Structure formats: C-alpha cells, structure tokens
Amino acid sequence: MKRKFVYSAQHIENIERVSNDLSSLATLLRWAGNAAAQTIGSPSEADFSALGCAVSWAGHQIEQRCAIINDMAADR
C-alpha cells in the first residue's frame, strides 16, 4: 500500500523554488561545459581555473538545495 502525503501550500512552494534553483544550476553547468568545449585555441590556466571555480560553486549549491529538499521531505 502506498502512503499518500499531504503537503501544505507553503511546503509545495518551497519545493518548487528549490527545484527551480536546481534547474538554473543545471543550465549554468551546461553553459560552462559548452563554453569550455568551444574554446578556440588552447585555454589558459586562468580559463580552467575560472571553469573549475564555477563548477565547484554549482556543485556546492546543488548540495545545499538537495539538503533543503531532504529536510522538507522529512517534515512531512
């Protein structure tokens, strides 16, 4: 038997907000990956450093959003 969860409007709004944040971060990662793949010539160390920082930051943001989702799911 499946359990049916009932969430408040605020709970659903929070989940939607965090989901939108994750979608934006995914777009950023795709953009960064495409930009790195399309670099003409040999990328400099600074280019790779900037890309690494962007990807690291995005990974951290995704971890934070997942923690929020997990907390909200635990509050049911």
N, C-alpha and C. Protein backbone atom coordinates (compact mmCIF):
# COMPACT_ATOMS: atom_id res chain seq x y z
N MET A 1 0.84 -1.16 0.00
CA MET A 1 0.00 0.00 0.00
C MET A 1 0.90 1.24 0.00
N LYS A 2 0.67 2.15 -0.93
CA LYS A 2 1.44 3.37 -1.00
C LYS A 2 0.90 4.38 0.00
N ARG A 3 1.85 5.11 0.60
CA ARG A 3 1.46 6.18 1.51
C ARG A 3 1.18 7.44 0.70
N LYS A 4 0.14 8.13 1.04
CA LYS A 4 -0.18 9.38 0.36
C LYS A 4 0.16 10.53 1.31
N PHE A 5 1.01 11.42 0.83
CA PHE A 5 1.44 12.55 1.64
C PHE A 5 0.64 13.78 1.26
N VAL A 6 0.28 14.55 2.26
CA VAL A 6 -0.43 15.80 2.04
C VAL A 6 0.50 16.92 2.49
N TYR A 7 0.82 17.80 1.57
CA TYR A 7 1.74 18.90 1.86
C TYR A 7 0.97 20.22 1.87
N SER A 8 1.42 21.13 2.71
CA SER A 8 0.82 22.46 2.74
C SER A 8 1.23 23.23 1.50
N ALA A 9 0.50 24.30 1.21
CA ALA A 9 0.83 25.14 0.05
C ALA A 9 2.24 25.71 0.20
N GLN A 10 2.63 26.09 1.41
CA GLN A 10 3.96 26.64 1.65
C GLN A 10 5.03 25.58 1.39
N HIS A 11 4.77 24.37 1.81
CA HIS A 11 5.71 23.26 1.61
C HIS A 11 5.92 23.03 0.10
N ILE A 12 4.84 23.00 -0.65
CA ILE A 12 4.93 22.78 -2.09
C ILE A 12 5.64 23.95 -2.75
N GLU A 13 5.35 25.17 -2.32
CA GLU A 13 6.01 26.35 -2.87
C GLU A 13 7.52 26.29 -2.63
N ASN A 14 7.93 25.87 -1.45
CA ASN A 14 9.35 25.74 -1.13
C ASN A 14 10.03 24.69 -2.01
N ILE A 15 9.36 23.57 -2.21
CA ILE A 15 9.91 22.52 -3.06
C ILE A 15 10.04 23.02 -4.49
N GLU A 16 9.03 23.74 -4.98
CA GLU A 16 9.09 24.28 -6.34
C GLU A 16 10.23 25.28 -6.48
N ARG A 17 10.44 26.13 -5.46
CA ARG A 17 11.51 27.12 -5.51
C ARG A 17 12.87 26.44 -5.58
N VAL A 18 13.07 25.43 -4.75
CA VAL A 18 14.34 24.73 -4.74
C VAL A 18 14.54 23.96 -6.04
N SER A 19 13.48 23.40 -6.57
CA SER A 19 13.57 22.70 -7.85
C SER A 19 13.97 23.67 -8.96
N ASN A 20 13.42 24.87 -8.95
CA ASN A 20 13.79 25.88 -9.94
C ASN A 20 15.26 26.28 -9.78
N ASP A 21 15.73 26.38 -8.53
CA ASP A 21 17.14 26.68 -8.28
C ASP A 21 18.03 25.61 -8.90
N LEU A 22 17.66 24.34 -8.71
CA LEU A 22 18.45 23.24 -9.27
C LEU A 22 18.44 23.28 -10.80
N SER A 23 17.31 23.63 -11.38
CA SER A 23 17.23 23.74 -12.83
C SER A 23 18.15 24.85 -13.33
N SER A 24 18.20 25.97 -12.63
CA SER A 24 19.09 27.07 -13.01
C SER A 24 20.55 26.65 -12.91
N LEU A 25 20.88 25.91 -11.87
CA LEU A 25 22.25 25.44 -11.70
C LEU A 25 22.63 24.46 -12.81
N ALA A 26 21.69 23.63 -13.21
CA ALA A 26 21.95 22.71 -14.32
C ALA A 26 22.22 23.48 -15.61
N THR A 27 21.48 24.55 -15.83
CA THR A 27 21.70 25.39 -17.00
C THR A 27 23.10 26.00 -16.96
N LEU A 28 23.49 26.48 -15.79
CA LEU A 28 24.83 27.06 -15.63
C LEU A 28 25.91 26.03 -15.95
N LEU A 29 25.75 24.82 -15.46
CA LEU A 29 26.74 23.77 -15.71
C LEU A 29 26.81 23.42 -17.20
N ARG A 30 25.65 23.35 -17.86
CA ARG A 30 25.64 23.09 -19.30
C ARG A 30 26.34 24.22 -20.05
N TRP A 31 26.05 25.46 -19.65
CA TRP A 31 26.68 26.62 -20.29
C TRP A 31 28.19 26.56 -20.11
N ALA A 32 28.64 26.30 -18.88
CA ALA A 32 30.08 26.24 -18.61
C ALA A 32 30.74 25.13 -19.41
N GLY A 33 30.08 23.98 -19.47
CA GLY A 33 30.64 22.86 -20.24
C GLY A 33 30.71 23.17 -21.72
N ASN A 34 29.65 23.77 -22.25
CA ASN A 34 29.66 24.14 -23.67
C ASN A 34 30.72 25.19 -23.96
N ALA A 35 30.85 26.17 -23.07
CA ALA A 35 31.86 27.21 -23.27
C ALA A 35 33.26 26.60 -23.26
N ALA A 36 33.50 25.68 -22.36
CA ALA A 36 34.82 25.03 -22.29
C ALA A 36 35.08 24.21 -23.54
N ALA A 37 34.04 23.53 -24.03
CA ALA A 37 34.20 22.69 -25.21
C ALA A 37 34.42 23.50 -26.47
N GLN A 38 33.93 24.73 -26.51
CA GLN A 38 34.02 25.55 -27.71
C GLN A 38 35.18 26.54 -27.68
N THR A 39 36.03 26.44 -26.69
CA THR A 39 37.15 27.36 -26.59
C THR A 39 38.05 27.18 -27.81
N ILE A 40 38.31 28.29 -28.48
CA ILE A 40 39.16 28.25 -29.66
C ILE A 40 40.61 28.37 -29.19
N GLY A 41 41.44 27.53 -29.71
CA GLY A 41 42.83 27.55 -29.31
C GLY A 41 43.03 26.83 -27.99
N SER A 42 44.14 27.11 -27.40
CA SER A 42 44.49 26.45 -26.15
C SER A 42 44.02 27.29 -24.96
N PRO A 43 43.12 26.75 -24.14
CA PRO A 43 42.66 27.51 -22.98
C PRO A 43 43.82 27.76 -22.00
N SER A 44 43.79 28.91 -21.40
CA SER A 44 44.84 29.24 -20.43
C SER A 44 44.50 28.62 -19.08
N GLU A 45 45.48 28.64 -18.19
CA GLU A 45 45.24 28.14 -16.83
C GLU A 45 44.14 28.95 -16.15
N ALA A 46 44.10 30.25 -16.43
CA ALA A 46 43.07 31.10 -15.84
C ALA A 46 41.68 30.67 -16.31
N ASP A 47 41.56 30.27 -17.59
CA ASP A 47 40.28 29.79 -18.11
C ASP A 47 39.82 28.55 -17.35
N PHE A 48 40.75 27.60 -17.18
CA PHE A 48 40.40 26.38 -16.46
C PHE A 48 40.14 26.65 -14.99
N SER A 49 40.86 27.60 -14.41
CA SER A 49 40.64 27.96 -13.01
C SER A 49 39.24 28.53 -12.83
N ALA A 50 38.83 29.42 -13.74
CA ALA A 50 37.50 30.02 -13.66
C ALA A 50 36.42 28.96 -13.84
N LEU A 51 36.63 28.06 -14.79
CA LEU A 51 35.67 26.98 -15.02
C LEU A 51 35.59 26.09 -13.78
N GLY A 52 36.75 25.75 -13.22
CA GLY A 52 36.76 24.92 -12.02
C GLY A 52 36.02 25.57 -10.86
N CYS A 53 36.22 26.87 -10.69
CA CYS A 53 35.52 27.59 -9.62
C CYS A 53 34.02 27.59 -9.85
N ALA A 54 33.60 27.79 -11.10
CA ALA A 54 32.17 27.81 -11.41
C ALA A 54 31.53 26.46 -11.15
N VAL A 55 32.19 25.41 -11.58
CA VAL A 55 31.65 24.06 -11.39
C VAL A 55 31.63 23.69 -9.90
N SER A 56 32.68 24.05 -9.18
CA SER A 56 32.73 23.79 -7.75
C SER A 56 31.61 24.52 -7.02
N TRP A 57 31.42 25.80 -7.36
CA TRP A 57 30.36 26.59 -6.74
C TRP A 57 29.00 25.97 -7.02
N ALA A 58 28.76 25.59 -8.29
CA ALA A 58 27.48 25.00 -8.66
C ALA A 58 27.26 23.69 -7.92
N GLY A 59 28.30 22.89 -7.79
CA GLY A 59 28.17 21.63 -7.04
C GLY A 59 27.78 21.88 -5.59
N HIS A 60 28.39 22.89 -4.99
CA HIS A 60 28.06 23.24 -3.60
C HIS A 60 26.60 23.70 -3.50
N GLN A 61 26.16 24.50 -4.45
CA GLN A 61 24.77 24.98 -4.45
C GLN A 61 23.79 23.82 -4.62
N ILE A 62 24.12 22.88 -5.47
CA ILE A 62 23.25 21.71 -5.66
C ILE A 62 23.16 20.91 -4.36
N GLU A 63 24.30 20.72 -3.68
CA GLU A 63 24.28 20.00 -2.41
C GLU A 63 23.38 20.70 -1.39
N GLN A 64 23.46 22.03 -1.34
CA GLN A 64 22.62 22.79 -0.40
C GLN A 64 21.14 22.61 -0.74
N ARG A 65 20.79 22.68 -2.02
CA ARG A 65 19.39 22.54 -2.42
C ARG A 65 18.89 21.14 -2.12
N CYS A 66 19.72 20.14 -2.34
CA CYS A 66 19.31 18.76 -2.03
C CYS A 66 19.08 18.59 -0.53
N ALA A 67 19.90 19.22 0.29
CA ALA A 67 19.71 19.16 1.74
C ALA A 67 18.39 19.80 2.14
N ILE A 68 18.04 20.91 1.48
CA ILE A 68 16.76 21.57 1.76
C ILE A 68 15.61 20.66 1.38
N ILE A 69 15.70 20.03 0.23
CA ILE A 69 14.65 19.10 -0.21
C ILE A 69 14.52 17.95 0.78
N ASN A 70 15.65 17.40 1.20
CA ASN A 70 15.62 16.30 2.17
C ASN A 70 14.98 16.73 3.50
N ASP A 71 15.31 17.93 3.96
CA ASP A 71 14.70 18.44 5.19
C ASP A 71 13.20 18.62 5.04
N MET A 72 12.78 19.16 3.90
CA MET A 72 11.35 19.36 3.67
C MET A 72 10.62 18.02 3.59
N ALA A 73 11.25 17.05 2.97
CA ALA A 73 10.63 15.73 2.86
C ALA A 73 10.53 15.06 4.24
N ALA A 74 11.49 15.33 5.09
CA ALA A 74 11.47 14.75 6.45
C ALA A 74 10.41 15.40 7.32
N ASP A 75 9.99 16.62 6.97
CA ASP A 75 8.99 17.35 7.75
C ASP A 75 7.56 16.91 7.48
N ARG A 76 7.38 15.98 6.58
CA ARG A 76 6.02 15.59 6.20
C ARG A 76 5.27 15.05 7.32
